[in-house]
Amino acid sequence: MAHVRLFKHYIHLPYVILGLIDFLLLVFAFALTVFFRYFGDLPFFLENLTFVLPSAVVFAGSNLLMMVALGVHQSRLEEGMSGMMLRTIMALIVSIPLCGFAYLLASDWLWYLGTSAVLTTGSVFGFFLMGIFRSIFINTVGKDAFKRKVLVLGAGYRARQIHEDLKTPLNRKGFILVGFIPLPDEPVEINERDLLNIPTTIQQYIIRHPVSEIVVAVDDRRKGLPMEDLLECKMEGVKIVDGASFYERESRKVALEMVTRGWLVFSDGFSVSSVFGFGKRSLDILAASTLLLAGLPLMILTAIAIKIEDGFKAPVFYSQERVGLNGAVFNVHKFRSMITDAEKHGAVWATQNDARVTRVGEFIRKVRIDELPQIFNVLNGTMAFVGPRPERPVFVEQLSAKIPFYTERHRVKPGLTGWAQLCFAYADNEEDTREKLRYDLYYIKNQSLLLDLLIIIQTVEVVLFKKGSR
């Protein structure tokens, strides 16, 4: 099994294991530091281990939290081991004051977190240990140790989309595609070298060539499926999964071209409860209040910078109509990043190197400071902290007519940050918007407090590494 699902969100299993390994190594590194600094005698240390463990666990947990926030484990795929370790150094540095804050809150039982030398030395030990064990682990994973063998039933349009969209190592890190089985009278859109010629039944084939999963990606099921054969495969322990669900799980977005209203109705997800609603609103208020306190100095400096560049009478903020929950229109607030008459000829998409953007505006857009006034939208309830980004009514009207299921993104409150912002760059045209909708629908379908927390934590990576800003 290459994925686990926690609170309706798919997480790649090898990286869950890698995170647990990192956690245990950090606990060990901290304990080792305390042993050499305060004990030196192994029996005496083991007798008092219960007094050391709380500090070691908080130390490891704080570091792991920062590594998740900086996207350390996922960066291995795009930036290699060097990029992964560089982000690890940043996480270890940032977590030192976090551990110091934990000590201030509970100094009566986190004794060993109060010494900066212990924190620094433990971080150094942990860095080297994680470097060694990560290399061993990733080399093992690279040999397909955690990958499932997948067989696709179908060779038409849907099968081709799975083949093309999931062909990159980033999207195919959890499985090995064995091949495609075409059905009679189905147009074949798969290259012949990827087709499987099975002279017998699928069951007999998988007995000789074991697979973990069969993906049903047939264009027209009304023409019939080999149900008896699939049932026999399922009885052999092979998982049978719909093509759209498989695509969602592996890419963590919804395939617009593969889904129908029927699939949306009968598929898992899109379920909320009053408990979730209360928890989400509480999380919104907590996150927005924290961000307001942390960002207030930046907001004041931004206002001053805008006044210096554009003059004392120039407006600092601007408000714009956006479409929110259930299609209701509300005013969103931002720091002004463009010239005052930027839209005198009507609404247009923001573009790369937009001439209307001021010098201050260019900077605050890159680091997302221009979005900070939306904290007040979150506090007054017109927005959530996490959700699809709100769009302007004129663009919503245009996009709803061209993109299927576009209006479904208004089933939840728009957010200050969102799943699409983490996974995709800035959208400045219809095709990019279509791609971001795939991620928005994934969030709406699988929303949970855990996913919200994950998005909030990883938004730190977006801000620090300017991912997706324009």
Protein backbone atom coordinates (compact mmCIF):
# COMPACT_ATOMS: atom_id res chain seq x y z
CA MET A 1 0.00 0.00 0.00
CA ALA A 2 1.59 3.30 -1.12
CA HIS A 3 -0.95 5.75 0.32
CA VAL A 4 -2.67 6.20 3.65
CA ARG A 5 -5.79 8.28 4.06
CA LEU A 6 -5.97 10.43 7.17
CA PHE A 7 -9.21 12.33 7.68
CA LYS A 8 -10.09 11.87 3.99
CA HIS A 9 -6.74 13.18 2.70
CA TYR A 10 -4.35 10.90 0.79
CA ILE A 11 -0.75 10.91 2.02
CA HIS A 12 2.03 8.94 0.32
CA LEU A 13 3.06 6.15 2.69
CA PRO A 14 6.87 6.24 2.18
CA TYR A 15 6.94 9.87 3.28
CA VAL A 16 4.82 9.09 6.32
CA ILE A 17 7.39 6.43 7.22
CA LEU A 18 10.24 8.86 6.50
CA GLY A 19 8.61 11.43 8.80
CA LEU A 20 8.35 8.84 11.59
CA ILE A 21 12.00 7.88 11.08
CA ASP A 22 13.02 11.55 11.29
CA PHE A 23 10.99 11.93 14.48
CA LEU A 24 12.66 8.93 16.14
CA LEU A 25 16.13 10.08 15.03
CA LEU A 26 15.54 13.54 16.49
CA VAL A 27 14.39 12.00 19.79
CA PHE A 28 17.55 9.89 19.81
CA ALA A 29 19.79 12.86 18.90
CA PHE A 30 18.35 14.97 21.71
CA ALA A 31 18.67 12.14 24.24
CA LEU A 32 22.26 11.56 23.12
CA THR A 33 23.06 15.25 23.64
CA VAL A 34 21.55 15.23 27.14
CA PHE A 35 23.45 12.03 27.98
CA PHE A 36 26.87 13.50 27.13
CA ARG A 37 26.15 16.90 28.71
CA TYR A 38 24.48 15.91 31.98
CA PHE A 39 24.95 12.19 32.64
CA GLY A 40 27.90 10.33 31.12
CA ASP A 41 26.89 7.18 32.96
CA LEU A 42 24.58 4.89 30.99
CA PRO A 43 22.80 3.06 33.88
CA PHE A 44 22.15 6.38 35.65
CA PHE A 45 20.86 7.87 32.37
CA LEU A 46 18.49 4.95 31.71
CA GLU A 47 17.11 5.21 35.25
CA ASN A 48 16.17 8.85 34.57
CA LEU A 49 15.08 8.43 30.95
CA THR A 50 11.45 9.23 31.77
CA PHE A 51 12.55 12.75 32.81
CA VAL A 52 14.40 13.26 29.50
CA LEU A 53 11.75 11.91 27.12
CA PRO A 54 9.19 14.77 27.39
CA SER A 55 11.83 17.29 26.30
CA ALA A 56 13.06 14.95 23.55
CA VAL A 57 9.53 14.41 22.20
CA VAL A 58 8.73 18.14 22.16
CA PHE A 59 12.09 18.83 20.48
CA ALA A 60 11.44 16.21 17.79
CA GLY A 61 7.81 17.26 17.33
CA SER A 62 8.73 20.94 16.92
CA ASN A 63 11.36 20.11 14.31
CA LEU A 64 9.04 17.78 12.43
CA LEU A 65 6.34 20.46 12.41
CA MET A 66 8.74 22.96 10.86
CA MET A 67 9.91 20.38 8.29
CA VAL A 68 6.29 19.84 7.22
CA ALA A 69 5.80 23.61 7.04
CA LEU A 70 8.84 23.97 4.75
CA GLY A 71 7.92 20.97 2.58
CA VAL A 72 11.16 19.15 3.43
CA HIS A 73 10.13 15.61 2.48
CA GLN A 74 8.31 16.50 -0.73
CA SER A 75 11.21 18.70 -1.88
CA ARG A 76 13.29 15.55 -2.49
CA LEU A 77 11.35 14.96 -5.71
CA GLU A 78 11.97 18.42 -7.21
CA GLU A 79 15.18 19.65 -5.57
CA GLY A 80 17.10 16.45 -4.83
CA MET A 81 18.83 15.47 -1.60
CA SER A 82 20.78 18.75 -1.38
CA GLY A 83 17.58 20.82 -1.53
CA MET A 84 15.96 18.53 1.01
CA MET A 85 18.84 18.92 3.46
CA LEU A 86 19.01 22.69 2.93
CA ARG A 87 15.36 23.00 3.92
CA THR A 88 16.09 20.72 6.89
CA ILE A 89 18.74 23.16 8.12
CA MET A 90 16.23 26.00 7.89
CA ALA A 91 13.63 23.96 9.80
CA LEU A 92 16.12 23.08 12.54
CA ILE A 93 17.13 26.73 12.96
CA VAL A 94 13.55 28.02 13.09
CA SER A 95 12.46 25.35 15.58
CA ILE A 96 15.06 26.37 18.21
CA PRO A 97 13.08 29.44 19.38
CA LEU A 98 9.91 27.33 19.09
CA CYS A 99 11.40 24.87 21.60
CA GLY A 100 12.43 27.80 23.79
CA PHE A 101 8.83 29.02 23.78
CA ALA A 102 7.63 25.53 24.78
CA TYR A 103 10.10 25.63 27.70
CA LEU A 104 8.63 28.94 28.90
CA LEU A 105 5.15 27.41 28.87
CA ALA A 106 6.14 24.25 30.75
CA SER A 107 9.51 24.79 32.40
CA ASP A 108 8.58 22.43 35.26
CA TRP A 109 8.74 19.32 33.04
CA LEU A 110 10.68 20.40 29.92
CA TRP A 111 13.89 21.09 31.84
CA TYR A 112 16.34 20.24 29.07
CA LEU A 113 14.76 22.56 26.49
CA GLY A 114 15.90 25.58 28.47
CA THR A 115 19.56 25.20 27.44
CA SER A 116 20.47 26.64 24.05
CA ALA A 117 23.61 24.47 23.87
CA VAL A 118 21.49 21.31 24.14
CA LEU A 119 19.10 22.51 21.43
CA THR A 120 21.94 23.46 19.08
CA THR A 121 23.97 20.28 19.61
CA GLY A 122 20.85 18.11 19.35
CA SER A 123 19.98 19.80 16.05
CA VAL A 124 23.47 19.12 14.67
CA PHE A 125 23.36 15.45 15.73
CA GLY A 126 19.86 15.15 14.28
CA PHE A 127 20.90 16.71 10.98
CA PHE A 128 23.70 14.21 10.39
CA LEU A 129 21.63 11.23 11.51
CA MET A 130 18.73 12.21 9.25
CA GLY A 131 21.10 12.70 6.30
CA ILE A 132 22.46 9.17 6.68
CA PHE A 133 19.14 7.40 7.22
CA ARG A 134 17.31 9.40 4.55
CA SER A 135 19.89 8.35 1.97
CA ILE A 136 19.41 4.70 2.92
CA PHE A 137 15.61 4.99 2.97
CA ILE A 138 15.25 6.92 -0.30
CA ASN A 139 17.58 4.51 -2.12
CA THR A 140 15.33 1.69 -0.93
CA VAL A 141 12.16 3.50 -2.00
CA GLY A 142 13.77 4.29 -5.35
CA LYS A 143 13.93 0.57 -6.02
CA ASP A 144 10.12 0.41 -6.08
CA ALA A 145 9.91 -1.14 -2.61
CA PHE A 146 6.68 0.72 -1.79
CA LYS A 147 5.09 0.87 -5.23
CA ARG A 148 1.93 -0.98 -6.25
CA LYS A 149 1.55 -2.74 -9.58
CA VAL A 150 -1.49 -1.33 -11.35
CA LEU A 151 -3.41 -2.69 -14.34
CA VAL A 152 -5.78 -0.44 -16.30
CA LEU A 153 -8.94 -1.85 -17.88
CA GLY A 154 -9.65 0.33 -20.89
CA ALA A 155 -7.60 1.94 -23.64
CA GLY A 156 -9.75 4.89 -24.75
CA TYR A 157 -9.88 8.57 -23.80
CA ARG A 158 -10.05 8.08 -20.01
CA ALA A 159 -7.21 5.59 -20.03
CA ARG A 160 -5.10 7.95 -22.14
CA GLN A 161 -5.72 10.80 -19.70
CA ILE A 162 -4.55 8.65 -16.78
CA HIS A 163 -1.50 7.60 -18.79
CA GLU A 164 -0.54 11.16 -19.80
CA ASP A 165 -1.40 13.08 -16.63
CA LEU A 166 0.21 10.54 -14.28
CA LYS A 167 3.30 9.78 -16.34
CA THR A 168 5.70 12.03 -14.42
CA PRO A 169 7.73 10.62 -11.51
CA LEU A 170 6.02 13.17 -9.24
CA ASN A 171 2.59 11.71 -9.96
CA ARG A 172 3.68 8.10 -10.40
CA LYS A 173 5.78 7.78 -7.26
CA GLY A 174 3.26 5.42 -5.67
CA PHE A 175 2.67 2.83 -8.40
CA ILE A 176 4.02 0.99 -11.42
CA LEU A 177 1.75 0.91 -14.48
CA VAL A 178 1.79 -2.63 -15.85
CA GLY A 179 -0.28 -1.91 -18.96
CA PHE A 180 -3.71 -1.34 -20.50
CA ILE A 181 -6.31 -3.95 -21.45
CA PRO A 182 -8.50 -2.73 -24.34
CA LEU A 183 -12.16 -3.72 -24.46
CA PRO A 184 -13.91 -4.93 -27.63
CA ASP A 185 -15.44 -2.13 -29.76
CA GLU A 186 -13.64 0.57 -27.73
CA PRO A 187 -11.55 3.13 -29.68
CA VAL A 188 -7.89 2.61 -28.74
CA GLU A 189 -5.96 5.79 -27.85
CA ILE A 190 -3.06 4.09 -26.07
CA ASN A 191 0.25 3.37 -27.77
CA GLU A 192 0.49 -0.26 -28.85
CA ARG A 193 3.60 -0.89 -26.75
CA ASP A 194 1.58 -0.17 -23.59
CA LEU A 195 -1.30 -2.51 -24.49
CA LEU A 196 -1.62 -5.99 -22.99
CA ASN A 197 -2.81 -8.84 -25.18
CA ILE A 198 -4.52 -11.23 -22.77
CA PRO A 199 -5.63 -14.44 -24.53
CA THR A 200 -7.40 -15.76 -21.43
CA THR A 201 -9.22 -14.00 -18.58
CA ILE A 202 -7.92 -11.12 -16.47
CA GLN A 203 -8.02 -13.41 -13.43
CA GLN A 204 -5.72 -15.97 -15.08
CA TYR A 205 -3.36 -13.18 -16.13
CA ILE A 206 -3.02 -11.73 -12.61
CA ILE A 207 -2.40 -15.18 -11.17
CA ARG A 208 0.67 -15.43 -13.42
CA HIS A 209 1.53 -11.71 -13.17
CA PRO A 210 0.34 -10.46 -9.74
CA VAL A 211 -0.96 -6.89 -9.47
CA SER A 212 -2.30 -4.94 -6.50
CA GLU A 213 -4.98 -2.95 -8.25
CA ILE A 214 -7.15 -2.85 -11.37
CA VAL A 215 -8.27 0.60 -12.51
CA VAL A 216 -11.51 0.66 -14.50
CA ALA A 217 -11.07 3.51 -17.01
CA VAL A 218 -13.69 2.66 -19.63
CA ASP A 219 -15.25 5.45 -21.69
CA ASP A 220 -18.73 3.94 -22.01
CA ARG A 221 -19.77 1.40 -19.38
CA ARG A 222 -23.12 0.91 -21.07
CA LYS A 223 -21.34 -1.34 -23.56
CA GLY A 224 -20.65 -3.71 -20.70
CA LEU A 225 -17.82 -4.69 -18.38
CA PRO A 226 -16.39 -8.16 -17.70
CA MET A 227 -18.07 -8.17 -14.29
CA GLU A 228 -17.60 -11.88 -13.57
CA ASP A 229 -13.93 -11.62 -14.40
CA LEU A 230 -13.52 -8.51 -12.22
CA LEU A 231 -15.37 -10.22 -9.37
CA GLU A 232 -13.00 -13.18 -9.57
CA CYS A 233 -10.04 -10.78 -9.44
CA LYS A 234 -11.51 -9.09 -6.39
CA MET A 235 -11.90 -12.47 -4.72
CA GLU A 236 -8.18 -12.99 -5.35
CA GLY A 237 -7.52 -9.92 -3.21
CA VAL A 238 -6.99 -7.42 -6.03
CA LYS A 239 -8.47 -3.98 -5.41
CA ILE A 240 -10.88 -2.70 -8.09
CA VAL A 241 -11.08 1.10 -8.34
CA ASP A 242 -12.83 3.56 -10.63
CA GLY A 243 -10.58 5.57 -12.96
CA ALA A 244 -11.69 8.96 -11.65
CA SER A 245 -11.13 7.89 -8.03
CA PHE A 246 -7.69 6.50 -8.90
CA TYR A 247 -6.77 9.76 -10.64
CA GLU A 248 -7.94 11.76 -7.62
CA ARG A 249 -5.95 9.66 -5.20
CA GLU A 250 -2.69 9.71 -7.14
CA SER A 251 -2.71 13.34 -8.30
CA ARG A 252 -4.70 14.80 -5.37
CA LYS A 253 -6.95 16.68 -7.74
CA VAL A 254 -10.24 15.88 -9.48
CA ALA A 255 -10.23 14.98 -13.19
CA LEU A 256 -12.86 17.32 -14.63
CA GLU A 257 -13.02 15.47 -17.95
CA MET A 258 -13.54 12.09 -16.28
CA VAL A 259 -16.21 12.91 -13.70
CA THR A 260 -19.96 13.19 -14.08
CA ARG A 261 -22.65 14.45 -11.75
CA GLY A 262 -23.39 10.82 -10.96
CA TRP A 263 -19.80 10.25 -9.85
CA LEU A 264 -19.94 13.35 -7.66
CA VAL A 265 -23.21 12.11 -6.10
CA PHE A 266 -22.07 8.55 -5.34
CA SER A 267 -18.36 9.06 -4.62
CA ASP A 268 -17.01 9.40 -1.12
CA GLY A 269 -16.63 12.94 0.20
CA PHE A 270 -18.53 16.25 0.14
CA SER A 271 -19.73 15.49 3.67
CA VAL A 272 -19.65 18.05 6.47
CA SER A 273 -21.08 18.10 9.97
CA SER A 274 -21.98 20.72 12.55
CA VAL A 275 -18.96 19.60 14.59
CA PHE A 276 -16.69 20.19 11.58
CA GLY A 277 -18.33 23.57 10.96
CA PHE A 278 -17.70 24.65 14.56
CA GLY A 279 -14.14 23.33 14.47
CA LYS A 280 -13.37 25.05 11.17
CA ARG A 281 -14.75 28.39 12.37
CA SER A 282 -12.73 28.10 15.59
CA LEU A 283 -9.62 27.31 13.55
CA ASP A 284 -10.35 30.31 11.29
CA ILE A 285 -10.57 32.71 14.23
CA LEU A 286 -7.47 31.27 15.91
CA ALA A 287 -5.35 31.31 12.73
CA ALA A 288 -6.55 34.78 11.66
CA SER A 289 -5.97 36.29 15.11
CA THR A 290 -2.48 34.78 15.29
CA LEU A 291 -1.62 36.04 11.81
CA LEU A 292 -2.99 39.49 12.67
CA LEU A 293 -0.78 39.78 15.75
CA ALA A 294 2.28 38.46 13.91
CA GLY A 295 1.69 40.51 10.78
CA LEU A 296 0.66 43.82 12.32
CA PRO A 297 4.17 45.36 12.13
CA LEU A 298 4.41 44.33 8.46
CA MET A 299 1.00 45.83 7.75
CA ILE A 300 2.02 49.15 9.31
CA LEU A 301 5.31 49.20 7.35
CA THR A 302 3.45 48.36 4.13
CA ALA A 303 1.01 51.22 4.63
CA ILE A 304 3.93 53.61 5.19
CA ALA A 305 5.76 52.32 2.08
CA ILE A 306 2.68 52.80 -0.11
CA LYS A 307 2.28 56.37 1.16
CA ILE A 308 5.96 57.15 0.52
CA GLU A 309 5.82 55.83 -3.06
CA ASP A 310 2.43 57.22 -4.14
CA GLY A 311 1.96 60.25 -1.90
CA PHE A 312 0.12 61.02 1.31
CA LYS A 313 -3.30 61.20 -0.36
CA ALA A 314 -2.94 57.87 -2.17
CA PRO A 315 -5.18 55.09 -0.79
CA VAL A 316 -3.46 52.28 1.09
CA PHE A 317 -6.24 49.71 0.71
CA TYR A 318 -8.64 48.82 -2.05
CA SER A 319 -11.81 46.79 -1.95
CA GLN A 320 -13.14 44.60 -4.71
CA GLU A 321 -16.31 42.57 -5.19
CA ARG A 322 -15.76 38.81 -5.04
CA VAL A 323 -18.08 35.80 -5.15
CA GLY A 324 -18.33 33.88 -1.90
CA LEU A 325 -20.36 31.11 -0.27
CA ASN A 326 -23.41 30.05 -2.32
CA GLY A 327 -22.67 32.74 -4.89
CA ALA A 328 -23.11 35.69 -2.50
CA VAL A 329 -21.09 38.77 -3.44
CA PHE A 330 -18.91 40.43 -0.78
CA ASN A 331 -16.08 42.97 -0.64
CA VAL A 332 -12.57 41.64 -0.24
CA HIS A 333 -9.85 43.90 1.17
CA LYS A 334 -6.21 44.13 0.05
CA PHE A 335 -3.24 46.43 0.20
CA ARG A 336 -3.15 48.38 -3.04
CA SER A 337 -0.40 46.95 -5.24
CA MET A 338 -1.33 48.64 -8.54
CA ILE A 339 -1.65 52.22 -9.70
CA THR A 340 -4.87 53.92 -8.59
CA ASP A 341 -6.58 53.78 -12.02
CA ALA A 342 -5.43 50.24 -12.88
CA GLU A 343 -8.88 49.15 -14.09
CA LYS A 344 -10.26 52.30 -15.64
CA HIS A 345 -10.95 50.28 -18.81
CA GLY A 346 -12.58 47.35 -16.98
CA ALA A 347 -11.53 44.15 -15.21
CA VAL A 348 -8.63 42.19 -16.72
CA TRP A 349 -6.50 39.26 -15.53
CA ALA A 350 -3.27 40.06 -13.71
CA THR A 351 -0.29 39.00 -15.84
CA GLN A 352 3.42 38.29 -15.42
CA ASN A 353 5.37 41.58 -15.15
CA ASP A 354 2.11 43.55 -15.14
CA ALA A 355 2.91 47.22 -15.94
CA ARG A 356 0.15 48.40 -13.58
CA VAL A 357 1.97 47.02 -10.51
CA THR A 358 3.90 49.55 -8.41
CA ARG A 359 7.38 48.92 -7.01
CA VAL A 360 6.00 48.39 -3.51
CA GLY A 361 3.19 46.35 -5.01
CA GLU A 362 5.61 44.04 -6.79
CA PHE A 363 7.34 43.22 -3.51
CA ILE A 364 4.23 42.76 -1.37
CA ARG A 365 2.72 40.51 -4.04
CA LYS A 366 5.78 38.25 -4.08
CA VAL A 367 5.66 37.71 -0.32
CA ARG A 368 1.84 37.78 -0.15
CA ILE A 369 1.71 40.80 2.19
CA ASP A 370 -0.97 42.36 -0.04
CA GLU A 371 -3.38 39.63 1.09
CA LEU A 372 -3.03 40.37 4.84
CA PRO A 373 -6.06 42.73 5.10
CA GLN A 374 -8.22 39.72 4.19
CA ILE A 375 -7.67 38.65 7.78
CA PHE A 376 -10.61 40.94 8.57
CA ASN A 377 -12.73 39.09 5.98
CA VAL A 378 -11.93 35.87 7.85
CA LEU A 379 -12.79 37.40 11.21
CA ASN A 380 -16.14 38.80 9.98
CA GLY A 381 -17.07 35.41 8.48
CA THR A 382 -17.24 36.30 4.76
CA MET A 383 -14.12 34.19 4.18
CA ALA A 384 -12.47 31.17 5.77
CA PHE A 385 -8.75 30.86 6.41
CA VAL A 386 -8.59 27.86 4.06
CA GLY A 387 -10.69 27.50 0.93
CA PRO A 388 -10.77 28.26 -2.81
CA ARG A 389 -9.54 31.76 -3.61
CA PRO A 390 -12.49 34.12 -4.30
CA GLU A 391 -12.95 35.35 -7.86
CA ARG A 392 -14.57 38.48 -9.28
CA PRO A 393 -18.22 38.26 -10.43
CA VAL A 394 -17.42 39.18 -14.05
CA PHE A 395 -14.85 36.37 -14.28
CA VAL A 396 -17.11 33.90 -12.47
CA GLU A 397 -19.84 34.50 -15.02
CA GLN A 398 -17.43 33.92 -17.91
CA LEU A 399 -15.74 30.86 -16.41
CA SER A 400 -18.99 29.20 -15.29
CA ALA A 401 -20.17 29.19 -18.91
CA LYS A 402 -16.97 27.52 -20.14
CA ILE A 403 -15.72 25.24 -17.36
CA PRO A 404 -17.86 22.34 -16.06
CA PHE A 405 -18.54 22.30 -12.31
CA TYR A 406 -16.95 25.73 -11.82
CA THR A 407 -19.84 26.93 -9.65
CA GLU A 408 -19.26 24.00 -7.26
CA ARG A 409 -16.29 25.88 -5.78
CA HIS A 410 -18.83 28.23 -4.17
CA ARG A 411 -20.18 25.41 -1.98
CA VAL A 412 -17.67 26.48 0.68
CA LYS A 413 -16.39 29.82 1.88
CA PRO A 414 -13.49 31.23 -0.11
CA GLY A 415 -10.17 31.20 1.70
CA LEU A 416 -7.12 33.30 2.42
CA THR A 417 -5.06 30.31 1.33
CA GLY A 418 -6.02 26.99 -0.24
CA TRP A 419 -5.03 23.60 -1.63
CA ALA A 420 -4.77 24.99 -5.18
CA GLN A 421 -2.36 27.71 -4.00
CA LEU A 422 -0.03 25.03 -2.62
CA CYS A 423 -0.19 22.79 -5.67
CA PHE A 424 -0.38 25.15 -8.65
CA ALA A 425 1.04 28.49 -9.72
CA TYR A 426 -0.94 31.69 -10.25
CA ALA A 427 -3.85 31.38 -12.72
CA ASP A 428 -4.06 34.18 -15.28
CA ASN A 429 -6.07 32.49 -18.03
CA GLU A 430 -8.92 30.04 -18.55
CA GLU A 431 -6.78 26.91 -18.85
CA ASP A 432 -4.87 27.67 -15.64
CA THR A 433 -8.20 28.33 -13.89
CA ARG A 434 -9.47 24.97 -15.11
CA GLU A 435 -6.40 23.30 -13.61
CA LYS A 436 -6.80 25.11 -10.29
CA LEU A 437 -10.46 24.05 -10.19
CA ARG A 438 -9.29 20.43 -10.17
CA TYR A 439 -7.44 21.13 -6.93
CA ASP A 440 -10.30 23.21 -5.48
CA LEU A 441 -12.76 20.35 -6.07
CA TYR A 442 -10.35 17.95 -4.39
CA TYR A 443 -10.31 20.22 -1.32
CA ILE A 444 -14.09 20.62 -1.26
CA LYS A 445 -14.57 16.87 -1.66
CA ASN A 446 -12.05 15.92 1.04
CA GLN A 447 -12.14 18.88 3.40
CA SER A 448 -11.31 18.19 7.03
CA LEU A 449 -9.65 19.98 9.93
CA LEU A 450 -6.49 17.93 9.35
CA LEU A 451 -6.32 19.03 5.71
CA ASP A 452 -6.92 22.64 6.78
CA LEU A 453 -4.07 22.41 9.29
CA LEU A 454 -1.79 20.85 6.67
CA ILE A 455 -2.56 23.67 4.22
CA ILE A 456 -2.00 26.37 6.86
CA ILE A 457 1.36 24.86 7.83
CA GLN A 458 2.55 24.42 4.24
CA THR A 459 1.48 27.96 3.33
CA VAL A 460 4.67 28.97 5.15
CA GLU A 461 6.55 27.32 2.26
CA VAL A 462 4.56 29.34 -0.28
CA VAL A 463 5.44 32.60 1.46
CA LEU A 464 9.12 31.81 2.06
CA PHE A 465 9.82 30.36 -1.39
CA LYS A 466 7.47 32.68 -3.39
CA LYS A 467 5.65 29.69 -4.85
CA GLY A 468 2.65 30.65 -6.97
CA SER A 469 2.74 34.39 -6.33
CA ARG A 470 2.33 37.00 -9.01
